[in-house]
Amino acid sequence: MTRRVFLGAGAAAVAVAGGCARRSGVEEAQTNRVVNLYSARHYDTDNALYESFTQKTGIKVNLVEAEADKLIERLRSEGANSPADVLITVDAGRLWRAQEAGLLQPVTSQVLQTTVPKSLQEEGGHWFGLSRRARVIVYNKEKVKPSDLSTYEDLTNPKWKGRFVVRSSSSVYNQSLTGALLAALKPQKTEAWAKGLVANFARPPEGNDTAQIKAVATGIGDITLVNTYYVARLLNSKKADEQAIAAKVGVFFPNQGNGDRGAHVNICGGGVVKTAPNRDAAVQFLEHMVSPAAQEIFASRSYEYPVTEQAAIDPAVKGFGPFKADALNAAIYGRNNAEALQLMDRAGWT
């Protein structure tokens, strides 16, 4: 596997980096034994995914890593000359953005269409979920009982005033959750919900999901919203202090009542770039990502939920218990992300 980390700062850097990648990609494409991957994932454990694909197919993976927005801008800049075959992002919102920009092409694949649940794939085949990410309530075990918790909507209850911590509205995970609520509650009620959350903030939003867990464990706040794999990372950490933090918090899946919609689930997903020079290899790559071997890696190495029922779940994640997932199609909350951000900003969720 060839790895490149893209850290472009501005259009000029994008163009220069893109030119280097184009020459390399075109040279290797002549053999048709390569797939050029633009990925917003940043986990070293993913090396096992790419190595398993190469071992299975003989196709080399050229990896370019960067934040999703930078990768999308790079694809725009490179245009028809892009060497990219596959784009992977860690949320449906950026996949939708890439699709709307005309950067992805529809794919017809029986493997992808039958393996990936319908709610986790774009209707036209522009992108498919590769792993699932449940966004849940995490609480301080000493200060909150599971019976105190119920739904995302109840987080606006005045009983949580000064007790809720969360990352900023710029977090695509929060945007997607709010986008899902837009579909369930409609704009007026969703904006009221966002304002209610802001009223309960224990502090201005800061940090990533791990920072929120630590804030809850240390008493800065009592509850937060995070993706489950952040808790699993701490539980599986080799550092005693991180294990201690995880031991102080519990995981609660919201909206599990009879007739309720279930907990919000985002995706890591991928699509084939519109101008992919190695289209067949790109489709093979995505198909491999939903194979039993790859799904096992997603579940055991990065602590995500697989998209297939057959893959075993990491013991720490399994310890969170079973849950009902919101069946809302990922394309809907992905499409709602822009409106969600505007709504969150109006509510003062900065």
Protein backbone atom coordinates (compact mmCIF):
# COMPACT_ATOMS: atom_id res chain seq x y z
CA MET A 1 0.00 0.00 0.00
CA THR A 2 1.24 3.46 -0.91
CA ARG A 3 0.21 6.12 1.58
CA ARG A 4 0.07 9.87 1.05
CA VAL A 5 -1.20 12.35 3.61
CA PHE A 6 -2.74 15.42 1.99
CA LEU A 7 -2.45 18.59 4.05
CA GLY A 8 -3.08 21.22 1.37
CA ALA A 9 -3.61 24.78 2.52
CA GLY A 10 -5.39 26.60 -0.26
CA ALA A 11 -6.04 26.06 -3.94
CA ALA A 12 -2.38 26.28 -4.95
CA ALA A 13 -1.41 23.45 -2.63
CA VAL A 14 -4.34 21.44 -3.89
CA ALA A 15 -3.24 21.89 -7.48
CA VAL A 16 0.40 20.99 -6.78
CA ALA A 17 -0.44 17.92 -4.71
CA GLY A 18 -3.07 16.93 -7.26
CA GLY A 19 -0.56 17.13 -10.11
CA CYS A 20 1.86 14.78 -8.34
CA ALA A 21 -0.92 12.31 -7.58
CA ARG A 22 -2.18 12.44 -11.19
CA ARG A 23 1.18 11.46 -12.64
CA SER A 24 1.57 8.60 -10.18
CA GLY A 25 -2.03 7.46 -10.64
CA VAL A 26 -1.92 7.52 -14.44
CA GLU A 27 1.34 5.56 -14.55
CA GLU A 28 -0.02 2.87 -12.25
CA ALA A 29 -3.43 2.82 -13.92
CA GLN A 30 -1.80 1.45 -17.06
CA THR A 31 -1.47 -1.90 -15.28
CA ASN A 32 -5.08 -1.75 -14.01
CA ARG A 33 -3.86 -3.36 -10.79
CA VAL A 34 -4.28 -0.32 -8.60
CA VAL A 35 -7.06 1.56 -6.85
CA ASN A 36 -6.48 5.18 -5.81
CA LEU A 37 -8.32 5.86 -2.57
CA TYR A 38 -9.13 9.30 -1.15
CA SER A 39 -10.10 8.67 2.46
CA ALA A 40 -11.20 10.87 5.35
CA ARG A 41 -10.60 7.98 7.73
CA HIS A 42 -7.42 8.41 9.77
CA TYR A 43 -7.05 5.11 11.57
CA ASP A 44 -3.83 3.10 11.30
CA THR A 45 -5.94 0.01 11.92
CA ASP A 46 -7.40 0.49 8.42
CA ASN A 47 -4.11 -0.78 6.98
CA ALA A 48 -5.48 -4.25 7.62
CA LEU A 49 -8.47 -3.47 5.41
CA TYR A 50 -6.31 -2.42 2.49
CA GLU A 51 -3.85 -5.27 2.92
CA SER A 52 -6.67 -7.82 2.97
CA PHE A 53 -8.00 -6.36 -0.29
CA THR A 54 -4.59 -6.56 -1.96
CA GLN A 55 -4.05 -10.11 -0.75
CA LYS A 56 -7.45 -11.13 -2.11
CA THR A 57 -7.27 -9.36 -5.50
CA GLY A 58 -3.65 -8.46 -6.17
CA ILE A 59 -4.76 -4.85 -6.59
CA LYS A 60 -2.56 -2.25 -4.90
CA VAL A 61 -4.14 0.51 -2.79
CA ASN A 62 -2.75 4.04 -3.13
CA LEU A 63 -4.03 5.99 -0.14
CA VAL A 64 -4.46 9.75 0.16
CA GLU A 65 -5.74 10.85 3.58
CA ALA A 66 -7.24 14.21 4.50
CA GLU A 67 -10.33 15.79 5.98
CA ALA A 68 -13.39 15.13 3.86
CA ASP A 69 -13.91 18.75 2.83
CA LYS A 70 -10.30 18.99 1.61
CA LEU A 71 -10.68 15.80 -0.38
CA ILE A 72 -13.87 17.07 -1.99
CA GLU A 73 -12.17 20.34 -2.88
CA ARG A 74 -9.23 18.40 -4.28
CA LEU A 75 -11.55 16.36 -6.50
CA ARG A 76 -13.16 19.57 -7.73
CA SER A 77 -9.77 21.04 -8.54
CA GLU A 78 -8.45 17.95 -10.30
CA GLY A 79 -11.58 17.56 -12.40
CA ALA A 80 -11.41 15.00 -15.22
CA ASN A 81 -7.68 14.52 -14.58
CA SER A 82 -8.14 13.20 -11.06
CA PRO A 83 -6.43 9.87 -10.34
CA ALA A 84 -8.99 9.14 -7.61
CA ASP A 85 -11.08 5.99 -7.90
CA VAL A 86 -12.85 5.85 -4.53
CA LEU A 87 -13.88 8.49 -1.99
CA ILE A 88 -14.51 7.42 1.61
CA THR A 89 -15.87 9.76 4.28
CA VAL A 90 -16.87 9.13 7.88
CA ASP A 91 -20.35 10.57 7.54
CA ALA A 92 -23.29 10.68 5.15
CA GLY A 93 -23.27 14.49 5.00
CA ARG A 94 -19.97 14.72 3.11
CA LEU A 95 -20.96 11.85 0.82
CA TRP A 96 -24.10 13.76 -0.07
CA ARG A 97 -22.03 16.89 -0.64
CA ALA A 98 -19.72 15.01 -3.01
CA GLN A 99 -22.69 13.56 -4.85
CA GLU A 100 -24.34 16.97 -5.23
CA ALA A 101 -21.08 18.33 -6.64
CA GLY A 102 -21.21 15.67 -9.35
CA LEU A 103 -18.08 13.93 -8.08
CA LEU A 104 -19.51 10.42 -7.72
CA GLN A 105 -20.95 8.01 -10.26
CA PRO A 106 -23.78 5.51 -9.78
CA VAL A 107 -22.72 1.91 -9.29
CA THR A 108 -24.76 -1.20 -10.00
CA SER A 109 -23.42 -4.02 -7.85
CA GLN A 110 -25.46 -6.94 -6.64
CA VAL A 111 -22.97 -7.47 -3.81
CA LEU A 112 -23.31 -3.91 -2.51
CA GLN A 113 -27.03 -3.60 -3.11
CA THR A 114 -27.89 -6.86 -1.36
CA THR A 115 -25.29 -6.72 1.45
CA VAL A 116 -25.68 -3.11 2.58
CA PRO A 117 -29.06 -2.38 4.21
CA LYS A 118 -31.24 -0.10 2.07
CA SER A 119 -31.22 2.59 4.76
CA LEU A 120 -27.42 2.78 4.53
CA GLN A 121 -27.10 3.23 0.77
CA GLU A 122 -27.96 6.05 -1.58
CA GLU A 123 -30.94 5.13 -3.73
CA GLY A 124 -29.15 5.74 -7.02
CA GLY A 125 -26.05 3.76 -6.04
CA HIS A 126 -23.77 6.79 -5.70
CA TRP A 127 -22.50 5.65 -2.29
CA PHE A 128 -22.83 2.84 0.22
CA GLY A 129 -22.37 2.51 3.98
CA LEU A 130 -19.35 0.46 5.01
CA SER A 131 -19.76 0.67 8.79
CA ARG A 132 -22.30 2.06 11.26
CA ARG A 133 -21.79 4.67 13.99
CA ALA A 134 -24.44 5.01 16.68
CA ARG A 135 -24.67 8.46 18.33
CA VAL A 136 -25.78 7.90 21.89
CA ILE A 137 -26.12 9.52 25.28
CA VAL A 138 -23.14 8.98 27.58
CA TYR A 139 -23.72 9.70 31.27
CA ASN A 140 -21.84 9.89 34.56
CA LYS A 141 -22.77 6.72 36.46
CA GLU A 142 -22.52 8.42 39.85
CA LYS A 143 -24.83 11.30 38.94
CA VAL A 144 -27.29 9.88 36.43
CA LYS A 145 -29.35 6.69 36.37
CA PRO A 146 -30.42 5.06 33.11
CA SER A 147 -34.02 5.54 34.23
CA ASP A 148 -33.41 9.32 34.10
CA LEU A 149 -32.82 9.07 30.35
CA SER A 150 -35.16 8.43 27.45
CA THR A 151 -34.91 10.32 24.14
CA TYR A 152 -32.87 12.89 22.27
CA GLU A 153 -35.85 15.20 22.66
CA ASP A 154 -35.76 14.90 26.47
CA LEU A 155 -32.26 16.37 26.57
CA THR A 156 -33.98 19.77 26.50
CA ASN A 157 -35.67 19.01 29.83
CA PRO A 158 -34.82 21.74 32.38
CA LYS A 159 -33.57 19.03 34.73
CA TRP A 160 -30.41 18.92 32.57
CA LYS A 161 -29.71 22.65 32.85
CA GLY A 162 -25.98 23.19 33.37
CA ARG A 163 -25.37 19.44 33.03
CA PHE A 164 -25.03 18.87 29.27
CA VAL A 165 -21.74 19.06 27.35
CA VAL A 166 -21.30 18.59 23.60
CA ARG A 167 -18.97 19.35 20.74
CA SER A 168 -19.64 22.26 18.40
CA SER A 169 -22.16 22.63 15.60
CA SER A 170 -19.28 22.24 13.13
CA SER A 171 -19.17 18.54 14.05
CA VAL A 172 -20.70 16.66 11.14
CA TYR A 173 -21.88 14.03 13.61
CA ASN A 174 -24.03 16.64 15.36
CA GLN A 175 -25.18 18.01 12.03
CA SER A 176 -26.31 14.55 10.91
CA LEU A 177 -28.14 13.91 14.18
CA THR A 178 -29.90 17.25 13.82
CA GLY A 179 -30.60 16.39 10.19
CA ALA A 180 -32.28 13.18 11.33
CA LEU A 181 -34.37 15.16 13.81
CA LEU A 182 -35.38 17.52 11.01
CA ALA A 183 -36.86 14.53 9.23
CA ALA A 184 -38.64 13.32 12.37
CA LEU A 185 -39.77 16.58 13.98
CA LYS A 186 -39.75 19.14 11.11
CA PRO A 187 -37.87 22.49 11.24
CA GLN A 188 -39.80 24.42 13.89
CA LYS A 189 -39.66 21.70 16.52
CA THR A 190 -36.06 20.84 15.67
CA GLU A 191 -34.95 24.44 16.13
CA ALA A 192 -36.79 24.54 19.45
CA TRP A 193 -34.93 21.36 20.39
CA ALA A 194 -31.56 22.91 19.51
CA LYS A 195 -32.38 26.01 21.57
CA GLY A 196 -33.36 23.76 24.47
CA LEU A 197 -30.01 21.99 24.29
CA VAL A 198 -28.13 25.29 24.27
CA ALA A 199 -30.07 26.36 27.37
CA ASN A 200 -28.75 23.27 29.14
CA PHE A 201 -25.08 23.67 28.18
CA ALA A 202 -22.65 23.30 31.10
CA ARG A 203 -19.99 25.09 29.02
CA PRO A 204 -19.54 26.39 25.47
CA PRO A 205 -18.98 23.52 23.02
CA GLU A 206 -15.33 22.45 22.67
CA GLY A 207 -13.26 19.40 21.83
CA ASN A 208 -14.04 16.10 20.15
CA ASP A 209 -16.14 13.19 21.38
CA THR A 210 -13.35 11.91 23.63
CA ALA A 211 -13.18 15.33 25.29
CA GLN A 212 -16.91 15.14 26.02
CA ILE A 213 -16.54 11.72 27.65
CA LYS A 214 -13.71 13.01 29.82
CA ALA A 215 -15.77 16.07 30.76
CA VAL A 216 -18.62 13.83 31.90
CA ALA A 217 -16.28 11.49 33.80
CA THR A 218 -14.64 14.40 35.64
CA GLY A 219 -17.88 16.18 36.52
CA ILE A 220 -17.78 19.15 34.14
CA GLY A 221 -21.07 17.84 32.84
CA ASP A 222 -23.28 14.86 33.58
CA ILE A 223 -24.41 13.85 30.09
CA THR A 224 -23.24 14.19 26.50
CA LEU A 225 -23.74 12.91 22.95
CA VAL A 226 -20.99 10.80 21.38
CA ASN A 227 -20.41 7.97 18.95
CA THR A 228 -20.10 4.64 20.72
CA TYR A 229 -16.67 3.75 19.32
CA TYR A 230 -15.09 6.60 21.28
CA VAL A 231 -16.16 4.90 24.51
CA ALA A 232 -14.95 1.52 23.24
CA ARG A 233 -11.52 3.00 22.45
CA LEU A 234 -11.15 4.15 26.04
CA LEU A 235 -12.36 0.81 27.39
CA ASN A 236 -9.82 -1.02 25.21
CA SER A 237 -7.01 1.44 25.88
CA LYS A 238 -3.72 0.21 27.30
CA LYS A 239 -3.57 3.35 29.45
CA ALA A 240 -4.96 2.94 32.96
CA ASP A 241 -6.19 6.54 33.16
CA GLU A 242 -8.25 6.14 29.98
CA GLN A 243 -9.74 2.87 31.21
CA ALA A 244 -10.65 4.65 34.46
CA ILE A 245 -12.46 7.38 32.52
CA ALA A 246 -14.46 4.80 30.57
CA ALA A 247 -15.38 2.99 33.79
CA LYS A 248 -17.07 6.13 35.12
CA VAL A 249 -19.52 6.52 32.25
CA GLY A 250 -22.43 4.55 30.85
CA VAL A 251 -23.89 4.28 27.37
CA PHE A 252 -27.60 4.84 26.75
CA PHE A 253 -29.38 4.30 23.43
CA PRO A 254 -32.14 6.93 23.04
CA ASN A 255 -35.63 6.56 21.57
CA GLN A 256 -35.95 2.84 22.22
CA GLY A 257 -39.58 2.83 23.34
CA ASN A 258 -42.36 0.94 21.57
CA GLY A 259 -43.23 2.77 18.39
CA ASP A 260 -40.27 5.13 18.71
CA ARG A 261 -37.82 5.51 15.81
CA GLY A 262 -34.62 4.26 17.51
CA ALA A 263 -31.13 5.64 18.02
CA HIS A 264 -29.52 7.74 15.29
CA VAL A 265 -26.94 5.84 13.23
CA ASN A 266 -24.49 7.55 10.90
CA ILE A 267 -22.17 5.75 8.49
CA CYS A 268 -18.68 5.56 7.19
CA GLY A 269 -19.30 5.15 3.49
CA GLY A 270 -17.75 5.25 0.08
CA GLY A 271 -18.48 5.83 -3.56
CA VAL A 272 -16.77 5.53 -6.92
CA VAL A 273 -15.41 8.82 -8.25
CA LYS A 274 -17.08 9.94 -11.48
CA THR A 275 -13.82 10.05 -13.43
CA ALA A 276 -12.26 6.94 -11.84
CA PRO A 277 -9.50 5.60 -14.13
CA ASN A 278 -9.81 2.17 -12.48
CA ARG A 279 -13.57 1.81 -12.18
CA ASP A 280 -13.70 -1.99 -12.02
CA ALA A 281 -11.03 -2.07 -9.30
CA ALA A 282 -12.95 0.65 -7.42
CA VAL A 283 -16.14 -1.42 -7.42
CA GLN A 284 -14.18 -4.48 -6.30
CA PHE A 285 -12.71 -2.42 -3.46
CA LEU A 286 -16.12 -1.32 -2.18
CA GLU A 287 -17.44 -4.86 -2.49
CA HIS A 288 -14.51 -6.10 -0.44
CA MET A 289 -15.24 -3.50 2.25
CA VAL A 290 -18.58 -5.21 2.96
CA SER A 291 -17.16 -8.74 2.82
CA PRO A 292 -17.13 -10.79 6.04
CA ALA A 293 -13.36 -10.37 6.43
CA ALA A 294 -13.45 -6.58 6.07
CA GLN A 295 -16.52 -6.18 8.26
CA GLU A 296 -14.74 -8.13 10.97
CA ILE A 297 -11.86 -5.63 10.77
CA PHE A 298 -14.21 -2.62 11.03
CA ALA A 299 -15.80 -4.17 14.11
CA SER A 300 -12.71 -5.47 15.88
CA ARG A 301 -10.11 -2.80 15.07
CA SER A 302 -12.00 0.51 15.00
CA TYR A 303 -14.92 -0.55 17.23
CA GLU A 304 -17.62 0.44 14.74
CA TYR A 305 -20.80 -1.50 14.12
CA PRO A 306 -20.63 -3.58 10.93
CA VAL A 307 -23.26 -3.12 8.25
CA THR A 308 -23.74 -6.89 8.04
CA GLU A 309 -25.34 -9.00 10.74
CA GLN A 310 -22.81 -11.81 10.35
CA ALA A 311 -19.72 -9.93 11.56
CA ALA A 312 -18.79 -10.32 15.21
CA ILE A 313 -18.89 -7.17 17.34
CA ASP A 314 -16.02 -6.17 19.62
CA PRO A 315 -16.69 -7.36 23.22
CA ALA A 316 -16.59 -3.82 24.61
CA VAL A 317 -19.14 -2.66 22.02
CA LYS A 318 -21.25 -5.74 22.59
CA GLY A 319 -21.28 -4.81 26.27
CA PHE A 320 -23.27 -1.68 25.42
CA GLY A 321 -26.16 -4.02 24.64
CA PRO A 322 -28.52 -4.42 21.67
CA PHE A 323 -30.45 -1.44 20.38
CA LYS A 324 -33.03 -0.37 17.84
CA ALA A 325 -31.56 1.84 15.11
CA ASP A 326 -33.41 4.62 13.34
CA ALA A 327 -34.28 3.26 9.88
CA LEU A 328 -34.14 6.71 8.26
CA ASN A 329 -32.17 6.54 5.02
CA ALA A 330 -28.71 8.05 5.41
CA ALA A 331 -29.20 10.14 2.27
CA ILE A 332 -32.02 12.05 3.98
CA TYR A 333 -30.06 13.26 6.99
CA GLY A 334 -27.02 13.73 4.75
CA ARG A 335 -29.06 16.04 2.54
CA ASN A 336 -30.36 17.84 5.65
CA ASN A 337 -26.90 18.68 6.99
CA ALA A 338 -26.70 22.19 5.53
CA GLU A 339 -30.12 23.17 6.87
CA ALA A 340 -29.24 21.54 10.20
CA LEU A 341 -26.10 23.67 10.56
CA GLN A 342 -28.02 26.89 9.84
CA LEU A 343 -30.62 25.92 12.40
CA MET A 344 -28.01 25.04 15.03
CA ASP A 345 -26.21 28.34 14.51
CA ARG A 346 -29.47 30.29 14.89
CA ALA A 347 -30.03 28.44 18.15
CA GLY A 348 -26.65 29.59 19.48
CA TRP A 349 -25.04 26.16 19.20
CA THR A 350 -21.64 27.45 18.10
